[in-house]
Amino acid sequence: MSRKVNCVKLNKEADGLNAITYPGELGERIFKEVSQEAWQMWLGHQTMLINEYRLTPIEPKARKFLEEEMEKFFFGDGSEKPKEFVEPEK
């Protein structure tokens, strides 16, 4: 049986994450308040940020930026796409 959470991103009850996906207090909060579906949305958004800004996630500056964007994505006003970003054609 899946663990249910009231997802802060989707504003609905949904399947919660199976494990803590990020360290520290932010990771614990995500585990308690973010659904699997919203986490997958973040992973796609994070990939776009890494590619568009040419980030190297092992660099401390890039990790700090991604953590700030993650917090905004889930608990703030949302993480913006880069101005230059163009959606790929389907």
C-alpha atoms as a PDB file:
ATOM      1  CA  MET A   1       0.000   0.000   0.000  1.00  0.00           C
ATOM      2  CA  SER A   2       1.347   3.425  -0.982  1.00  0.00           C
ATOM      3  CA  ARG A   3       1.890   6.182   1.510  1.00  0.00           C
ATOM      4  CA  LYS A   4      -0.388   9.155   0.818  1.00  0.00           C
ATOM      5  CA  VAL A   5       0.536  12.825   1.235  1.00  0.00           C
ATOM      6  CA  ASN A   6      -1.311  16.079   0.754  1.00  0.00           C
ATOM      7  CA  CYS A   7       0.938  17.315  -2.043  1.00  0.00           C
ATOM      8  CA  VAL A   8       1.794  21.007  -1.714  1.00  0.00           C
ATOM      9  CA  LYS A   9       2.641  21.285  -5.417  1.00  0.00           C
ATOM     10  CA  LEU A  10      -0.483  19.613  -6.814  1.00  0.00           C
ATOM     11  CA  ASN A  11      -2.886  20.627  -4.024  1.00  0.00           C
ATOM     12  CA  LYS A  12      -4.304  17.117  -3.767  1.00  0.00           C
ATOM     13  CA  GLU A  13      -3.812  13.841  -1.964  1.00  0.00           C
ATOM     14  CA  ALA A  14      -1.459  11.604  -3.913  1.00  0.00           C
ATOM     15  CA  ASP A  15       1.083   8.805  -3.538  1.00  0.00           C
ATOM     16  CA  GLY A  16       4.042   9.947  -1.476  1.00  0.00           C
ATOM     17  CA  LEU A  17       7.690   9.270  -2.138  1.00  0.00           C
ATOM     18  CA  ASN A  18       9.030   5.873  -1.104  1.00  0.00           C
ATOM     19  CA  ALA A  19      12.190   7.322   0.457  1.00  0.00           C
ATOM     20  CA  ILE A  20      13.803  10.627   1.325  1.00  0.00           C
ATOM     21  CA  THR A  21      15.214  11.922  -1.961  1.00  0.00           C
ATOM     22  CA  TYR A  22      17.228  14.891  -0.711  1.00  0.00           C
ATOM     23  CA  PRO A  23      19.325  15.380   2.442  1.00  0.00           C
ATOM     24  CA  GLY A  24      18.596  17.615   5.403  1.00  0.00           C
ATOM     25  CA  GLU A  25      15.515  19.491   6.529  1.00  0.00           C
ATOM     26  CA  LEU A  26      14.470  20.286   2.961  1.00  0.00           C
ATOM     27  CA  GLY A  27      14.583  16.583   2.103  1.00  0.00           C
ATOM     28  CA  GLU A  28      12.447  15.696   5.121  1.00  0.00           C
ATOM     29  CA  ARG A  29       9.910  18.358   4.196  1.00  0.00           C
ATOM     30  CA  ILE A  30       9.775  17.114   0.604  1.00  0.00           C
ATOM     31  CA  PHE A  31       9.260  13.549   1.844  1.00  0.00           C
ATOM     32  CA  LYS A  32       6.335  14.646   4.036  1.00  0.00           C
ATOM     33  CA  GLU A  33       4.656  17.077   1.636  1.00  0.00           C
ATOM     34  CA  VAL A  34       5.510  16.189  -1.989  1.00  0.00           C
ATOM     35  CA  SER A  35       3.992  13.450  -4.134  1.00  0.00           C
ATOM     36  CA  GLN A  36       5.767  11.100  -6.517  1.00  0.00           C
ATOM     37  CA  GLU A  37       4.123  12.905  -9.442  1.00  0.00           C
ATOM     38  CA  ALA A  38       5.354  16.329  -8.277  1.00  0.00           C
ATOM     39  CA  TRP A  39       8.859  14.928  -7.679  1.00  0.00           C
ATOM     40  CA  GLN A  40       8.945  13.680 -11.276  1.00  0.00           C
ATOM     41  CA  MET A  41       7.883  17.163 -12.425  1.00  0.00           C
ATOM     42  CA  TRP A  42      10.810  18.598 -10.445  1.00  0.00           C
ATOM     43  CA  LEU A  43      13.289  16.143 -11.966  1.00  0.00           C
ATOM     44  CA  GLY A  44      12.259  17.285 -15.455  1.00  0.00           C
ATOM     45  CA  HIS A  45      12.496  20.945 -14.446  1.00  0.00           C
ATOM     46  CA  GLN A  46      15.859  20.380 -12.768  1.00  0.00           C
ATOM     47  CA  THR A  47      17.210  18.679 -15.895  1.00  0.00           C
ATOM     48  CA  MET A  48      16.110  21.662 -17.970  1.00  0.00           C
ATOM     49  CA  LEU A  49      17.832  24.075 -15.529  1.00  0.00           C
ATOM     50  CA  ILE A  50      21.047  22.030 -15.597  1.00  0.00           C
ATOM     51  CA  ASN A  51      21.061  21.922 -19.399  1.00  0.00           C
ATOM     52  CA  GLU A  52      20.037  25.526 -20.048  1.00  0.00           C
ATOM     53  CA  TYR A  53      22.408  27.045 -17.494  1.00  0.00           C
ATOM     54  CA  ARG A  54      25.146  24.495 -18.232  1.00  0.00           C
ATOM     55  CA  LEU A  55      25.412  23.602 -14.552  1.00  0.00           C
ATOM     56  CA  THR A  56      27.745  21.042 -13.062  1.00  0.00           C
ATOM     57  CA  PRO A  57      25.727  19.643 -10.125  1.00  0.00           C
ATOM     58  CA  ILE A  58      28.832  18.634  -8.151  1.00  0.00           C
ATOM     59  CA  GLU A  59      29.938  22.277  -7.914  1.00  0.00           C
ATOM     60  CA  PRO A  60      28.808  23.883  -4.636  1.00  0.00           C
ATOM     61  CA  LYS A  61      27.508  27.029  -6.367  1.00  0.00           C
ATOM     62  CA  ALA A  62      25.379  24.966  -8.771  1.00  0.00           C
ATOM     63  CA  ARG A  63      24.077  22.761  -5.927  1.00  0.00           C
ATOM     64  CA  LYS A  64      23.073  25.837  -3.922  1.00  0.00           C
ATOM     65  CA  PHE A  65      21.276  27.301  -6.943  1.00  0.00           C
ATOM     66  CA  LEU A  66      19.405  24.029  -7.606  1.00  0.00           C
ATOM     67  CA  GLU A  67      18.445  23.697  -3.933  1.00  0.00           C
ATOM     68  CA  GLU A  68      17.043  27.248  -3.939  1.00  0.00           C
ATOM     69  CA  GLU A  69      15.113  26.519  -7.138  1.00  0.00           C
ATOM     70  CA  MET A  70      13.797  23.257  -5.657  1.00  0.00           C
ATOM     71  CA  GLU A  71      12.511  25.092  -2.598  1.00  0.00           C
ATOM     72  CA  LYS A  72      10.808  27.695  -4.811  1.00  0.00           C
ATOM     73  CA  PHE A  73       9.389  24.963  -7.075  1.00  0.00           C
ATOM     74  CA  PHE A  74       7.669  23.131  -4.228  1.00  0.00           C
ATOM     75  CA  PHE A  75       7.093  25.687  -1.487  1.00  0.00           C
ATOM     76  CA  GLY A  76       7.397  29.126  -3.088  1.00  0.00           C
ATOM     77  CA  ASP A  77       6.091  30.919  -6.138  1.00  0.00           C
ATOM     78  CA  GLY A  78       7.619  28.343  -8.482  1.00  0.00           C
ATOM     79  CA  SER A  79      10.927  28.056 -10.261  1.00  0.00           C
ATOM     80  CA  GLU A  80      11.094  30.050 -13.485  1.00  0.00           C
ATOM     81  CA  LYS A  81      12.318  28.664 -16.774  1.00  0.00           C
ATOM     82  CA  PRO A  82      15.307  30.502 -18.247  1.00  0.00           C
ATOM     83  CA  LYS A  83      14.239  33.374 -20.517  1.00  0.00           C
ATOM     84  CA  GLU A  84      16.032  31.776 -23.462  1.00  0.00           C
ATOM     85  CA  PHE A  85      14.322  28.390 -22.999  1.00  0.00           C
ATOM     86  CA  VAL A  86      12.258  27.175 -25.949  1.00  0.00           C
ATOM     87  CA  GLU A  87       9.944  24.185 -25.458  1.00  0.00           C
ATOM     88  CA  PRO A  88      10.977  21.311 -27.741  1.00  0.00           C
ATOM     89  CA  GLU A  89       8.538  20.502 -30.519  1.00  0.00           C
ATOM     90  CA  LYS A  90       6.638  17.255 -30.106  1.00  0.00           C
END
